[in-house]
Amino acid sequence: ETPHMHQPGVQVLEEVHVRCVEARVIVEVISGCEGAERTLRHFHGAQ
């Protein structure tokens, strides 16, 4: 028996996992950009 036989369920789980990771990265990037914008605005307001 090959340990990595592609069962449909396993493939779906792997795809879902990849999508979740991608979504998390996108959310982190977006929140990072928002944080940078807020910081820039704060500095502009302080001047």
PDB file of N, CA and C in Angstrom:
ATOM      1  N   GLU A   1       0.843  -1.208   0.000  1.00  0.00           N
ATOM      2  CA  GLU A   1       0.000   0.000   0.000  1.00  0.00           C
ATOM      3  C   GLU A   1       0.875   1.254   0.000  1.00  0.00           C
ATOM      4  N   THR A   2       0.587   2.156  -0.877  1.00  0.00           N
ATOM      5  CA  THR A   2       1.315   3.425  -0.859  1.00  0.00           C
ATOM      6  C   THR A   2       0.656   4.319   0.187  1.00  0.00           C
ATOM      7  N   PRO A   3       1.449   4.935   1.035  1.00  0.00           N
ATOM      8  CA  PRO A   3       0.880   5.750   2.122  1.00  0.00           C
ATOM      9  C   PRO A   3       0.156   6.990   1.602  1.00  0.00           C
ATOM     10  N   HIS A   4       0.585   7.492   0.427  1.00  0.00           N
ATOM     11  CA  HIS A   4      -0.006   8.745  -0.050  1.00  0.00           C
ATOM     12  C   HIS A   4      -0.888   8.488  -1.263  1.00  0.00           C
ATOM     13  N   MET A   5      -1.883   7.604  -1.082  1.00  0.00           N
ATOM     14  CA  MET A   5      -2.872   7.424  -2.142  1.00  0.00           C
ATOM     15  C   MET A   5      -3.836   8.596  -2.080  1.00  0.00           C
ATOM     16  N   HIS A   6      -4.119   9.175  -3.230  1.00  0.00           N
ATOM     17  CA  HIS A   6      -4.962  10.375  -3.210  1.00  0.00           C
ATOM     18  C   HIS A   6      -6.427  10.000  -3.099  1.00  0.00           C
ATOM     19  N   GLN A   7      -6.901   9.996  -1.862  1.00  0.00           N
ATOM     20  CA  GLN A   7      -8.328   9.805  -1.630  1.00  0.00           C
ATOM     21  C   GLN A   7      -8.990  11.167  -1.804  1.00  0.00           C
ATOM     22  N   PRO A   8     -10.216  11.200  -2.310  1.00  0.00           N
ATOM     23  CA  PRO A   8     -10.900  12.483  -2.536  1.00  0.00           C
ATOM     24  C   PRO A   8     -10.961  13.340  -1.279  1.00  0.00           C
ATOM     25  N   GLY A   9     -11.279  12.721  -0.143  1.00  0.00           N
ATOM     26  CA  GLY A   9     -11.398  13.473   1.109  1.00  0.00           C
ATOM     27  C   GLY A   9     -10.097  14.145   1.494  1.00  0.00           C
ATOM     28  N   VAL A  10      -8.992  13.411   1.342  1.00  0.00           N
ATOM     29  CA  VAL A  10      -7.681  13.961   1.705  1.00  0.00           C
ATOM     30  C   VAL A  10      -7.349  15.145   0.803  1.00  0.00           C
ATOM     31  N   GLN A  11      -7.630  14.991  -0.483  1.00  0.00           N
ATOM     32  CA  GLN A  11      -7.334  16.063  -1.439  1.00  0.00           C
ATOM     33  C   GLN A  11      -8.132  17.320  -1.098  1.00  0.00           C
ATOM     34  N   VAL A  12      -9.403  17.132  -0.764  1.00  0.00           N
ATOM     35  CA  VAL A  12     -10.252  18.274  -0.408  1.00  0.00           C
ATOM     36  C   VAL A  12      -9.704  18.961   0.837  1.00  0.00           C
ATOM     37  N   LEU A  13      -9.323  18.163   1.839  1.00  0.00           N
ATOM     38  CA  LEU A  13      -8.784  18.740   3.069  1.00  0.00           C
ATOM     39  C   LEU A  13      -7.519  19.534   2.780  1.00  0.00           C
ATOM     40  N   GLU A  14      -6.647  18.984   1.926  1.00  0.00           N
ATOM     41  CA  GLU A  14      -5.412  19.694   1.591  1.00  0.00           C
ATOM     42  C   GLU A  14      -5.722  21.017   0.900  1.00  0.00           C
ATOM     43  N   GLU A  15      -6.685  20.994  -0.024  1.00  0.00           N
ATOM     44  CA  GLU A  15      -7.053  22.223  -0.734  1.00  0.00           C
ATOM     45  C   GLU A  15      -7.618  23.256   0.228  1.00  0.00           C
ATOM     46  N   VAL A  16      -8.478  22.808   1.138  1.00  0.00           N
ATOM     47  CA  VAL A  16      -9.078  23.722   2.114  1.00  0.00           C
ATOM     48  C   VAL A  16      -7.986  24.327   2.984  1.00  0.00           C
ATOM     49  N   HIS A  17      -7.029  23.491   3.404  1.00  0.00           N
ATOM     50  CA  HIS A  17      -5.929  23.973   4.242  1.00  0.00           C
ATOM     51  C   HIS A  17      -5.132  25.048   3.511  1.00  0.00           C
ATOM     52  N   VAL A  18      -4.815  24.783   2.238  1.00  0.00           N
ATOM     53  CA  VAL A  18      -4.050  25.759   1.448  1.00  0.00           C
ATOM     54  C   VAL A  18      -4.828  27.060   1.332  1.00  0.00           C
ATOM     55  N   ARG A  19      -6.136  26.955   1.076  1.00  0.00           N
ATOM     56  CA  ARG A  19      -6.956  28.167   0.931  1.00  0.00           C
ATOM     57  C   ARG A  19      -6.991  28.948   2.234  1.00  0.00           C
ATOM     58  N   CYS A  20      -7.094  28.237   3.363  1.00  0.00           N
ATOM     59  CA  CYS A  20      -7.127  28.912   4.666  1.00  0.00           C
ATOM     60  C   CYS A  20      -5.818  29.648   4.904  1.00  0.00           C
ATOM     61  N   VAL A  21      -4.707  29.001   4.573  1.00  0.00           N
ATOM     62  CA  VAL A  21      -3.398  29.638   4.758  1.00  0.00           C
ATOM     63  C   VAL A  21      -3.303  30.881   3.882  1.00  0.00           C
ATOM     64  N   GLU A  22      -3.732  30.760   2.616  1.00  0.00           N
ATOM     65  CA  GLU A  22      -3.685  31.910   1.709  1.00  0.00           C
ATOM     66  C   GLU A  22      -4.544  33.046   2.244  1.00  0.00           C
ATOM     67  N   ALA A  23      -5.746  32.711   2.714  1.00  0.00           N
ATOM     68  CA  ALA A  23      -6.653  33.732   3.234  1.00  0.00           C
ATOM     69  C   ALA A  23      -6.031  34.428   4.438  1.00  0.00           C
ATOM     70  N   ARG A  24      -5.383  33.646   5.313  1.00  0.00           N
ATOM     71  CA  ARG A  24      -4.773  34.223   6.512  1.00  0.00           C
ATOM     72  C   ARG A  24      -3.655  35.183   6.117  1.00  0.00           C
ATOM     73  N   VAL A  25      -2.854  34.788   5.120  1.00  0.00           N
ATOM     74  CA  VAL A  25      -1.764  35.653   4.660  1.00  0.00           C
ATOM     75  C   VAL A  25      -2.328  36.956   4.111  1.00  0.00           C
ATOM     76  N   ILE A  26      -3.403  36.849   3.318  1.00  0.00           N
ATOM     77  CA  ILE A  26      -4.023  38.046   2.735  1.00  0.00           C
ATOM     78  C   ILE A  26      -4.534  38.964   3.842  1.00  0.00           C
ATOM     79  N   VAL A  27      -5.187  38.379   4.841  1.00  0.00           N
ATOM     80  CA  VAL A  27      -5.723  39.180   5.951  1.00  0.00           C
ATOM     81  C   VAL A  27      -4.585  39.878   6.689  1.00  0.00           C
ATOM     82  N   GLU A  28      -3.477  39.152   6.918  1.00  0.00           N
ATOM     83  CA  GLU A  28      -2.339  39.752   7.618  1.00  0.00           C
ATOM     84  C   GLU A  28      -1.760  40.904   6.813  1.00  0.00           C
ATOM     85  N   VAL A  29      -1.642  40.721   5.502  1.00  0.00           N
ATOM     86  CA  VAL A  29      -1.094  41.780   4.644  1.00  0.00           C
ATOM     87  C   VAL A  29      -2.001  43.000   4.679  1.00  0.00           C
ATOM     88  N   ILE A  30      -3.322  42.770   4.571  1.00  0.00           N
ATOM     89  CA  ILE A  30      -4.277  43.880   4.566  1.00  0.00           C
ATOM     90  C   ILE A  30      -4.233  44.618   5.907  1.00  0.00           C
ATOM     91  N   SER A  31      -4.250  43.875   7.006  1.00  0.00           N
ATOM     92  CA  SER A  31      -4.234  44.525   8.319  1.00  0.00           C
ATOM     93  C   SER A  31      -2.902  45.232   8.532  1.00  0.00           C
ATOM     94  N   GLY A  32      -1.829  44.684   7.982  1.00  0.00           N
ATOM     95  CA  GLY A  32      -0.521  45.335   8.072  1.00  0.00           C
ATOM     96  C   GLY A  32      -0.534  46.660   7.335  1.00  0.00           C
ATOM     97  N   CYS A  33      -1.150  46.682   6.143  1.00  0.00           N
ATOM     98  CA  CYS A  33      -1.242  47.917   5.361  1.00  0.00           C
ATOM     99  C   CYS A  33      -2.097  48.937   6.103  1.00  0.00           C
ATOM    100  N   GLU A  34      -3.196  48.489   6.686  1.00  0.00           N
ATOM    101  CA  GLU A  34      -4.073  49.401   7.424  1.00  0.00           C
ATOM    102  C   GLU A  34      -3.328  49.986   8.617  1.00  0.00           C
ATOM    103  N   GLY A  35      -2.554  49.146   9.307  1.00  0.00           N
ATOM    104  CA  GLY A  35      -1.780  49.626  10.453  1.00  0.00           C
ATOM    105  C   GLY A  35      -0.760  50.667  10.022  1.00  0.00           C
ATOM    106  N   ALA A  36      -0.107  50.435   8.889  1.00  0.00           N
ATOM    107  CA  ALA A  36       0.883  51.385   8.371  1.00  0.00           C
ATOM    108  C   ALA A  36       0.205  52.707   8.029  1.00  0.00           C
ATOM    109  N   GLU A  37      -0.982  52.627   7.412  1.00  0.00           N
ATOM    110  CA  GLU A  37      -1.716  53.844   7.056  1.00  0.00           C
ATOM    111  C   GLU A  37      -2.073  54.638   8.303  1.00  0.00           C
ATOM    112  N   ARG A  38      -2.540  53.917   9.333  1.00  0.00           N
ATOM    113  CA  ARG A  38      -2.925  54.573  10.578  1.00  0.00           C
ATOM    114  C   ARG A  38      -1.714  55.271  11.193  1.00  0.00           C
ATOM    115  N   THR A  39      -0.560  54.583  11.163  1.00  0.00           N
ATOM    116  CA  THR A  39       0.666  55.160  11.728  1.00  0.00           C
ATOM    117  C   THR A  39       1.060  56.407  10.954  1.00  0.00           C
ATOM    118  N   LEU A  40       0.989  56.335   9.621  1.00  0.00           N
ATOM    119  CA  LEU A  40       1.342  57.491   8.792  1.00  0.00           C
ATOM    120  C   LEU A  40       0.412  58.661   9.095  1.00  0.00           C
ATOM    121  N   ARG A  41      -0.889  58.373   9.201  1.00  0.00           N
ATOM    122  CA  ARG A  41      -1.859  59.427   9.488  1.00  0.00           C
ATOM    123  C   ARG A  41      -1.559  60.057  10.843  1.00  0.00           C
ATOM    124  N   HIS A  42      -1.192  59.201  11.804  1.00  0.00           N
ATOM    125  CA  HIS A  42      -0.880  59.697  13.148  1.00  0.00           C
ATOM    126  C   HIS A  42       0.303  60.659  13.080  1.00  0.00           C
ATOM    127  N   PHE A  43       1.335  60.283  12.310  1.00  0.00           N
ATOM    128  CA  PHE A  43       2.520  61.139  12.196  1.00  0.00           C
ATOM    129  C   PHE A  43       2.166  62.448  11.491  1.00  0.00           C
ATOM    130  N   HIS A  44       1.345  62.370  10.440  1.00  0.00           N
ATOM    131  CA  HIS A  44       0.957  63.579   9.714  1.00  0.00           C
ATOM    132  C   HIS A  44       0.140  64.496  10.613  1.00  0.00           C
ATOM    133  N   GLY A  45      -0.721  63.893  11.440  1.00  0.00           N
ATOM    134  CA  GLY A  45      -1.534  64.694  12.348  1.00  0.00           C
ATOM    135  C   GLY A  45      -0.680  65.361  13.414  1.00  0.00           C
ATOM    136  N   ALA A  46       0.400  64.693  13.840  1.00  0.00           N
ATOM    137  CA  ALA A  46       1.245  65.224  14.908  1.00  0.00           C
ATOM    138  C   ALA A  46       2.047  66.428  14.425  1.00  0.00           C
ATOM    139  N   GLN A  47       2.362  66.466  13.130  1.00  0.00           N
ATOM    140  CA  GLN A  47       3.197  67.564  12.624  1.00  0.00           C
ATOM    141  C   GLN A  47       2.433  68.872  12.490  1.00  0.00           C
TER     142      GLN A  47
END
